PDB file of N, CA and C in Angstrom:
ATOM      1  N   MET A   1     260.228  54.115 -28.272  1.00  0.00           N
ATOM      2  CA  MET A   1     259.620  53.343 -28.359  1.00  0.00           C
ATOM      3  C   MET A   1     258.315  53.105 -27.294  1.00  0.00           C
ATOM      4  N   MET A   2     257.141  52.976 -27.493  1.00  0.00           N
ATOM      5  CA  MET A   2     255.751  52.755 -26.651  1.00  0.00           C
ATOM      6  C   MET A   2     255.843  51.690 -26.549  1.00  0.00           C
ATOM      7  N   LEU A   3     255.044  51.012 -25.680  1.00  0.00           N
ATOM      8  CA  LEU A   3     254.751  49.662 -25.084  1.00  0.00           C
ATOM      9  C   LEU A   3     253.265  49.698 -25.389  1.00  0.00           C
ATOM     10  N   GLN A   4     252.567  48.887 -25.392  1.00  0.00           N
ATOM     11  CA  GLN A   4     250.763  48.764 -25.433  1.00  0.00           C
ATOM     12  C   GLN A   4     250.825  47.997 -24.283  1.00  0.00           C
ATOM     13  N   PRO A   5     250.209  48.574 -23.036  1.00  0.00           N
ATOM     14  CA  PRO A   5     249.744  47.896 -21.658  1.00  0.00           C
ATOM     15  C   PRO A   5     249.198  46.336 -22.024  1.00  0.00           C
ATOM     16  N   ASN A   6     248.329  46.859 -22.372  1.00  0.00           N
ATOM     17  CA  ASN A   6     247.035  45.854 -22.607  1.00  0.00           C
ATOM     18  C   ASN A   6     247.606  44.458 -23.506  1.00  0.00           C
ATOM     19  N   LYS A   7     248.292  44.719 -24.424  1.00  0.00           N
ATOM     20  CA  LYS A   7     249.017  43.588 -25.447  1.00  0.00           C
ATOM     21  C   LYS A   7     249.868  42.904 -24.474  1.00  0.00           C
ATOM     22  N   PHE A   8     250.824  43.877 -23.634  1.00  0.00           N
ATOM     23  CA  PHE A   8     251.873  43.558 -22.980  1.00  0.00           C
ATOM     24  C   PHE A   8     251.660  42.749 -22.118  1.00  0.00           C
ATOM     25  N   GLY A   9     250.490  43.255 -21.462  1.00  0.00           N
ATOM     26  CA  GLY A   9     249.627  42.247 -20.329  1.00  0.00           C
ATOM     27  C   GLY A   9     249.182  41.033 -20.604  1.00  0.00           C
ATOM     28  N   ALA A  10     248.543  41.204 -21.476  1.00  0.00           N
ATOM     29  CA  ALA A  10     247.698  40.126 -22.228  1.00  0.00           C
ATOM     30  C   ALA A  10     248.939  39.023 -22.601  1.00  0.00           C
ATOM     31  N   ALA A  11     249.633  39.421 -23.228  1.00  0.00           N
ATOM     32  CA  ALA A  11     251.330  38.284 -23.816  1.00  0.00           C
ATOM     33  C   ALA A  11     251.636  37.612 -22.433  1.00  0.00           C
ATOM     34  N   GLY A  12     251.820  38.257 -21.634  1.00  0.00           N
ATOM     35  CA  GLY A  12     252.606  38.045 -20.471  1.00  0.00           C
ATOM     36  C   GLY A  12     251.770  36.933 -19.634  1.00  0.00           C
ATOM     37  N   GLY A  13     250.326  37.471 -19.455  1.00  0.00           N
ATOM     38  CA  GLY A  13     249.447  36.628 -18.708  1.00  0.00           C
ATOM     39  C   GLY A  13     248.949  35.298 -19.636  1.00  0.00           C
ATOM     40  N   ILE A  14     248.671  35.449 -20.508  1.00  0.00           N
ATOM     41  CA  ILE A  14     248.807  33.855 -21.462  1.00  0.00           C
ATOM     42  C   ILE A  14     250.021  32.785 -20.835  1.00  0.00           C
ATOM     43  N   ILE A  15     250.976  33.492 -20.769  1.00  0.00           N
ATOM     44  CA  ILE A  15     252.207  32.480 -20.949  1.00  0.00           C
ATOM     45  C   ILE A  15     252.153  32.064 -19.445  1.00  0.00           C
ATOM     46  N   TRP A  16     252.002  32.841 -18.585  1.00  0.00           N
ATOM     47  CA  TRP A  16     252.318  32.823 -17.205  1.00  0.00           C
ATOM     48  C   TRP A  16     251.074  31.559 -16.741  1.00  0.00           C
ATOM     49  N   GLY A  17     249.861  32.249 -17.102  1.00  0.00           N
ATOM     50  CA  GLY A  17     248.670  31.233 -17.145  1.00  0.00           C
ATOM     51  C   GLY A  17     248.888  29.970 -17.647  1.00  0.00           C
ATOM     52  N   LEU A  18     249.408  29.742 -19.021  1.00  0.00           N
ATOM     53  CA  LEU A  18     249.420  28.493 -19.109  1.00  0.00           C
ATOM     54  C   LEU A  18     250.915  27.746 -18.278  1.00  0.00           C
ATOM     55  N   CYS A  19     251.585  28.537 -18.276  1.00  0.00           N
ATOM     56  CA  CYS A  19     252.927  27.602 -17.420  1.00  0.00           C
ATOM     57  C   CYS A  19     252.480  27.181 -15.986  1.00  0.00           C
ATOM     58  N   MET A  20     251.636  27.973 -15.549  1.00  0.00           N
ATOM     59  CA  MET A  20     250.719  27.157 -14.101  1.00  0.00           C
ATOM     60  C   MET A  20     249.763  26.075 -14.430  1.00  0.00           C
ATOM     61  N   PHE A  21     249.104  26.259 -15.566  1.00  0.00           N
ATOM     62  CA  PHE A  21     248.456  24.766 -16.037  1.00  0.00           C
ATOM     63  C   PHE A  21     249.183  23.726 -16.392  1.00  0.00           C
ATOM     64  N   LEU A  22     249.764  24.233 -17.094  1.00  0.00           N
ATOM     65  CA  LEU A  22     250.700  22.997 -17.300  1.00  0.00           C
ATOM     66  C   LEU A  22     251.720  22.071 -16.243  1.00  0.00           C
ATOM     67  N   THR A  23     252.286  23.192 -15.791  1.00  0.00           N
ATOM     68  CA  THR A  23     253.054  22.891 -14.624  1.00  0.00           C
ATOM     69  C   THR A  23     251.891  21.672 -13.393  1.00  0.00           C
ATOM     70  N   THR A  24     250.861  21.982 -12.920  1.00  0.00           N
ATOM     71  CA  THR A  24     250.272  21.213 -12.571  1.00  0.00           C
ATOM     72  C   THR A  24     249.725  20.381 -12.989  1.00  0.00           C
ATOM     73  N   ILE A  25     249.059  20.262 -14.405  1.00  0.00           N
ATOM     74  CA  ILE A  25     248.880  18.964 -14.409  1.00  0.00           C
ATOM     75  C   ILE A  25     250.115  18.033 -14.606  1.00  0.00           C
ATOM     76  N   ILE A  26     251.424  18.712 -15.121  1.00  0.00           N
ATOM     77  CA  ILE A  26     252.224  17.564 -15.065  1.00  0.00           C
ATOM     78  C   ILE A  26     252.972  17.074 -13.675  1.00  0.00           C
ATOM     79  N   SER A  27     252.146  18.085 -12.636  1.00  0.00           N
ATOM     80  CA  SER A  27     253.023  17.678 -11.260  1.00  0.00           C
ATOM     81  C   SER A  27     251.980  16.397 -10.798  1.00  0.00           C
ATOM     82  N   ILE A  28     250.475  16.654 -11.126  1.00  0.00           N
ATOM     83  CA  ILE A  28     249.482  16.082 -10.681  1.00  0.00           C
ATOM     84  C   ILE A  28     250.167  13.836 -10.870  1.00  0.00           C
ATOM     85  N   TYR A  29     250.589  14.244 -11.712  1.00  0.00           N
ATOM     86  CA  TYR A  29     251.083  12.991 -12.636  1.00  0.00           C
ATOM     87  C   TYR A  29     252.891  12.519 -12.233  1.00  0.00           C
ATOM     88  N   THR A  30     253.418  13.151 -11.863  1.00  0.00           N
ATOM     89  CA  THR A  30     254.929  12.823 -11.732  1.00  0.00           C
ATOM     90  C   THR A  30     255.491  13.585 -10.689  1.00  0.00           C
ATOM     91  N   GLY A  31     254.798  14.451  -9.991  1.00  0.00           N
ATOM     92  CA  GLY A  31     255.381  15.272  -8.608  1.00  0.00           C
ATOM     93  C   GLY A  31     256.203  16.359  -9.128  1.00  0.00           C
ATOM     94  N   TYR A  32     256.412  16.490 -10.404  1.00  0.00           N
ATOM     95  CA  TYR A  32     257.300  17.710 -10.793  1.00  0.00           C
ATOM     96  C   TYR A  32     257.264  19.072 -10.278  1.00  0.00           C
ATOM     97  N   ALA A  33     258.044  19.719  -9.745  1.00  0.00           N
ATOM     98  CA  ALA A  33     257.900  21.452  -9.043  1.00  0.00           C
ATOM     99  C   ALA A  33     256.798  21.075  -7.991  1.00  0.00           C
ATOM    100  N   LYS A  34     256.731  20.314  -7.706  1.00  0.00           N
ATOM    101  CA  LYS A  34     255.538  20.110  -6.047  1.00  0.00           C
ATOM    102  C   LYS A  34     256.029  21.016  -4.933  1.00  0.00           C
ATOM    103  N   GLN A  35     256.919  21.675  -4.850  1.00  0.00           N
ATOM    104  CA  GLN A  35     257.730  22.360  -3.991  1.00  0.00           C
ATOM    105  C   GLN A  35     257.133  23.907  -4.692  1.00  0.00           C
ATOM    106  N   PHE A  36     257.368  23.969  -5.810  1.00  0.00           N
ATOM    107  CA  PHE A  36     257.239  25.271  -6.130  1.00  0.00           C
ATOM    108  C   PHE A  36     255.712  25.720  -6.268  1.00  0.00           C
ATOM    109  N   LEU A  37     255.101  25.095  -6.390  1.00  0.00           N
ATOM    110  CA  LEU A  37     253.691  24.867  -6.294  1.00  0.00           C
ATOM    111  C   LEU A  37     253.171  24.590  -5.054  1.00  0.00           C
ATOM    112  N   ALA A  38     253.750  24.183  -4.252  1.00  0.00           N
ATOM    113  CA  ALA A  38     253.211  24.523  -2.844  1.00  0.00           C
ATOM    114  C   ALA A  38     253.432  25.813  -2.006  1.00  0.00           C
ATOM    115  N   THR A  39     254.551  26.424  -2.742  1.00  0.00           N
ATOM    116  CA  THR A  39     254.676  27.976  -2.546  1.00  0.00           C
ATOM    117  C   THR A  39     253.531  28.868  -3.161  1.00  0.00           C
ATOM    118  N   MET A  40     253.191  28.579  -4.562  1.00  0.00           N
ATOM    119  CA  MET A  40     252.541  29.080  -5.243  1.00  0.00           C
ATOM    120  C   MET A  40     250.826  28.663  -4.483  1.00  0.00           C
ATOM    121  N   SER A  41     250.551  28.404  -3.925  1.00  0.00           N
ATOM    122  CA  SER A  41     249.281  27.666  -3.269  1.00  0.00           C
ATOM    123  C   SER A  41     249.562  28.858  -1.905  1.00  0.00           C
ATOM    124  N   GLY A  42     250.207  29.050  -1.079  1.00  0.00           N
ATOM    125  CA  GLY A  42     250.635  30.133  -0.210  1.00  0.00           C
ATOM    126  C   GLY A  42     250.201  31.541  -0.869  1.00  0.00           C
ATOM    127  N   ILE A  43     250.482  31.613  -2.295  1.00  0.00           N
ATOM    128  CA  ILE A  43     250.149  33.018  -2.872  1.00  0.00           C
ATOM    129  C   ILE A  43     248.455  33.208  -3.501  1.00  0.00           C
ATOM    130  N   TYR A  44     247.770  32.084  -4.084  1.00  0.00           N
ATOM    131  CA  TYR A  44     247.007  31.931  -4.595  1.00  0.00           C
ATOM    132  C   TYR A  44     246.336  31.512  -4.006  1.00  0.00           C
ATOM    133  N   PRO A  45     245.050  32.090  -3.241  1.00  0.00           N
ATOM    134  CA  PRO A  45     243.947  31.592  -2.624  1.00  0.00           C
ATOM    135  C   PRO A  45     243.097  30.272  -3.145  1.00  0.00           C
ATOM    136  N   GLY A  46     242.900  29.198  -2.448  1.00  0.00           N
ATOM    137  CA  GLY A  46     242.023  28.178  -3.162  1.00  0.00           C
ATOM    138  C   GLY A  46     243.088  27.190  -3.733  1.00  0.00           C
ATOM    139  N   TYR A  47     244.146  27.648  -4.539  1.00  0.00           N
ATOM    140  CA  TYR A  47     244.640  26.949  -5.097  1.00  0.00           C
ATOM    141  C   TYR A  47     245.680  25.731  -5.042  1.00  0.00           C
ATOM    142  N   SER A  48     245.513  24.456  -5.474  1.00  0.00           N
ATOM    143  CA  SER A  48     245.916  23.234  -4.982  1.00  0.00           C
ATOM    144  C   SER A  48     246.549  22.708  -6.501  1.00  0.00           C
ATOM    145  N   ILE A  49     247.373  21.488  -5.948  1.00  0.00           N
ATOM    146  CA  ILE A  49     247.760  20.649  -6.875  1.00  0.00           C
ATOM    147  C   ILE A  49     246.773  19.564  -7.513  1.00  0.00           C
ATOM    148  N   SER A  50     245.584  19.695  -8.028  1.00  0.00           N
ATOM    149  CA  SER A  50     244.569  19.539  -8.671  1.00  0.00           C
ATOM    150  C   SER A  50     243.682  19.631 -10.183  1.00  0.00           C
ATOM    151  N   GLY A  51     242.937  18.641 -10.313  1.00  0.00           N
ATOM    152  CA  GLY A  51     242.560  19.433 -11.459  1.00  0.00           C
ATOM    153  C   GLY A  51     241.930  20.700 -11.652  1.00  0.00           C
ATOM    154  N   TRP A  52     240.938  20.973 -10.660  1.00  0.00           N
ATOM    155  CA  TRP A  52     240.103  22.345 -10.152  1.00  0.00           C
ATOM    156  C   TRP A  52     241.495  23.367 -10.025  1.00  0.00           C
ATOM    157  N   GLY A  53     242.489  23.009  -9.450  1.00  0.00           N
ATOM    158  CA  GLY A  53     243.851  24.066  -8.800  1.00  0.00           C
ATOM    159  C   GLY A  53     244.538  24.115 -10.425  1.00  0.00           C
ATOM    160  N   SER A  54     244.452  23.192 -11.411  1.00  0.00           N
ATOM    161  CA  SER A  54     244.977  23.621 -12.496  1.00  0.00           C
ATOM    162  C   SER A  54     244.518  25.000 -13.175  1.00  0.00           C
ATOM    163  N   LEU A  55     243.291  24.638 -12.940  1.00  0.00           N
ATOM    164  CA  LEU A  55     242.117  25.921 -13.823  1.00  0.00           C
ATOM    165  C   LEU A  55     241.882  27.382 -12.895  1.00  0.00           C
ATOM    166  N   LEU A  56     242.297  27.015 -11.849  1.00  0.00           N
ATOM    167  CA  LEU A  56     242.575  28.271 -10.911  1.00  0.00           C
ATOM    168  C   LEU A  56     244.051  28.776 -11.264  1.00  0.00           C
ATOM    169  N   GLY A  57     244.907  28.095 -11.396  1.00  0.00           N
ATOM    170  CA  GLY A  57     246.540  28.422 -11.638  1.00  0.00           C
ATOM    171  C   GLY A  57     246.071  29.134 -12.895  1.00  0.00           C
ATOM    172  N   LEU A  58     245.648  28.947 -13.891  1.00  0.00           N
ATOM    173  CA  LEU A  58     245.746  29.433 -15.176  1.00  0.00           C
ATOM    174  C   LEU A  58     245.103  30.814 -15.066  1.00  0.00           C
ATOM    175  N   ILE A  59     243.975  30.841 -14.058  1.00  0.00           N
ATOM    176  CA  ILE A  59     243.272  31.808 -14.270  1.00  0.00           C
ATOM    177  C   ILE A  59     244.217  33.112 -12.946  1.00  0.00           C
ATOM    178  N   TYR A  60     244.637  32.857 -11.859  1.00  0.00           N
ATOM    179  CA  TYR A  60     245.219  33.486 -10.992  1.00  0.00           C
ATOM    180  C   TYR A  60     246.743  33.899 -12.157  1.00  0.00           C
ATOM    181  N   GLY A  61     247.290  33.025 -12.440  1.00  0.00           N
ATOM    182  CA  GLY A  61     248.517  33.093 -13.563  1.00  0.00           C
ATOM    183  C   GLY A  61     248.752  34.260 -14.281  1.00  0.00           C
ATOM    184  N   PHE A  62     246.977  34.155 -15.088  1.00  0.00           N
ATOM    185  CA  PHE A  62     246.632  35.369 -16.012  1.00  0.00           C
ATOM    186  C   PHE A  62     246.567  36.434 -15.524  1.00  0.00           C
ATOM    187  N   LEU A  63     245.612  36.655 -14.495  1.00  0.00           N
ATOM    188  CA  LEU A  63     245.363  37.848 -13.963  1.00  0.00           C
ATOM    189  C   LEU A  63     246.923  38.778 -13.136  1.00  0.00           C
ATOM    190  N   ASP A  64     247.718  37.771 -12.465  1.00  0.00           N
ATOM    191  CA  ASP A  64     248.798  38.131 -11.975  1.00  0.00           C
ATOM    192  C   ASP A  64     249.800  38.581 -12.733  1.00  0.00           C
ATOM    193  N   ALA A  65     250.026  38.114 -13.725  1.00  0.00           N
ATOM    194  CA  ALA A  65     251.227  38.756 -14.832  1.00  0.00           C
ATOM    195  C   ALA A  65     250.100  39.724 -15.260  1.00  0.00           C
ATOM    196  N   PHE A  66     249.194  39.904 -15.692  1.00  0.00           N
ATOM    197  CA  PHE A  66     248.479  41.032 -16.515  1.00  0.00           C
ATOM    198  C   PHE A  66     248.579  42.339 -15.985  1.00  0.00           C
ATOM    199  N   ILE A  67     248.162  41.854 -14.635  1.00  0.00           N
ATOM    200  CA  ILE A  67     248.057  43.178 -14.166  1.00  0.00           C
ATOM    201  C   ILE A  67     249.680  43.697 -14.030  1.00  0.00           C
ATOM    202  N   GLY A  68     250.694  42.855 -13.465  1.00  0.00           N
ATOM    203  CA  GLY A  68     251.840  43.084 -13.212  1.00  0.00           C
ATOM    204  C   GLY A  68     252.654  43.593 -14.397  1.00  0.00           C
ATOM    205  N   LEU A  69     252.420  43.211 -15.874  1.00  0.00           N
ATOM    206  CA  LEU A  69     253.340  43.504 -16.745  1.00  0.00           C
ATOM    207  C   LEU A  69     252.315  44.580 -17.336  1.00  0.00           C
ATOM    208  N   PHE A  70     251.077  44.807 -16.841  1.00  0.00           N
ATOM    209  CA  PHE A  70     250.658  45.873 -17.506  1.00  0.00           C
ATOM    210  C   PHE A  70     251.155  47.359 -16.805  1.00  0.00           C
ATOM    211  N   LEU A  71     251.254  47.212 -15.452  1.00  0.00           N
ATOM    212  CA  LEU A  71     251.844  48.385 -14.755  1.00  0.00           C
ATOM    213  C   LEU A  71     253.290  48.966 -15.514  1.00  0.00           C
ATOM    214  N   LEU A  72     254.106  47.547 -15.541  1.00  0.00           N
ATOM    215  CA  LEU A  72     255.064  47.451 -15.908  1.00  0.00           C
ATOM    216  C   LEU A  72     255.456  48.499 -17.664  1.00  0.00           C
ATOM    217  N   ALA A  73     254.824  48.046 -18.412  1.00  0.00           N
ATOM    218  CA  ALA A  73     254.358  49.050 -19.489  1.00  0.00           C
ATOM    219  C   ALA A  73     253.706  50.666 -19.582  1.00  0.00           C
ATOM    220  N   TRP A  74     253.021  50.510 -18.584  1.00  0.00           N
ATOM    221  CA  TRP A  74     252.453  51.730 -17.977  1.00  0.00           C
ATOM    222  C   TRP A  74     253.474  52.759 -17.691  1.00  0.00           C
ATOM    223  N   LEU A  75     254.208  52.149 -16.663  1.00  0.00           N
ATOM    224  CA  LEU A  75     255.109  53.001 -15.805  1.00  0.00           C
ATOM    225  C   LEU A  75     256.512  53.638 -17.005  1.00  0.00           C
ATOM    226  N   TYR A  76     257.182  52.439 -17.899  1.00  0.00           N
ATOM    227  CA  TYR A  76     257.853  52.103 -18.883  1.00  0.00           C
ATOM    228  C   TYR A  76     257.598  53.490 -19.762  1.00  0.00           C
ATOM    229  N   ASN A  77     256.318  53.494 -19.946  1.00  0.00           N
ATOM    230  CA  ASN A  77     255.721  54.634 -21.087  1.00  0.00           C
ATOM    231  C   ASN A  77     256.058  56.163 -20.487  1.00  0.00           C
ATOM    232  N   LYS A  78     255.555  56.009 -19.228  1.00  0.00           N
ATOM    233  CA  LYS A  78     255.410  57.457 -18.325  1.00  0.00           C
ATOM    234  C   LYS A  78     257.002  57.809 -18.375  1.00  0.00           C
ATOM    235  N   LEU A  79     257.966  57.215 -18.368  1.00  0.00           N
ATOM    236  CA  LEU A  79     259.397  57.072 -17.614  1.00  0.00           C
ATOM    237  C   LEU A  79     260.207  57.602 -19.518  1.00  0.00           C
ATOM    238  N   THR A  80     259.759  57.106 -20.148  1.00  0.00           N
ATOM    239  CA  THR A  80     260.292  57.347 -21.232  1.00  0.00           C
ATOM    240  C   THR A  80     259.915  58.249 -22.130  1.00  0.00           C
ATOM    241  N   LYS A  81     258.616  58.981 -21.532  1.00  0.00           N
ATOM    242  CA  LYS A  81     258.233  59.981 -22.578  1.00  0.00           C
ATOM    243  C   LYS A  81     258.498  61.256 -22.638  1.00  0.00           C
ATOM    244  N   ARG A  82     258.759  62.050 -24.097  1.00  0.00           N
ATOM    245  CA  ARG A  82     259.830  62.939 -24.051  1.00  0.00           C
ATOM    246  C   ARG A  82     258.738  64.306 -23.385  1.00  0.00           C
ATOM    247  N   LYS A  83     259.589  65.310 -23.101  1.00  0.00           N
ATOM    248  CA  LYS A  83     259.150  66.684 -22.468  1.00  0.00           C
ATOM    249  C   LYS A  83     258.366  67.184 -23.741  1.00  0.00           C
ATOM    250  N   GLY A  84     257.022  67.908 -24.001  1.00  0.00           N
ATOM    251  CA  GLY A  84     256.557  68.142 -24.598  1.00  0.00           C
ATOM    252  C   GLY A  84     255.880  67.646 -25.772  1.00  0.00           C
ATOM    253  N   SER A  85     255.955  65.928 -25.455  1.00  0.00           N
ATOM    254  CA  SER A  85     255.573  65.212 -26.497  1.00  0.00           C
ATOM    255  C   SER A  85     254.053  65.052 -26.271  1.00  0.00           C
TER     256      SER A  85
END
């Protein structure tokens, strides 16, 4: 079975971007996952637990997961390709 890297990356990017967005919004009001999001602020430049940070988290999360999962699917396809195909 061959994976479609663009679709695989987009699906994961949407999920991770939305997770970052929603977790940030929830944390603004409740403090939930504050330590996790503080760690993410060290990974994603400019990200913070704020309204603007939720949008940056959405963008960074999408790009981060898209690139990682695109590469994963591409590598998977290369490693599972049959000789002579």
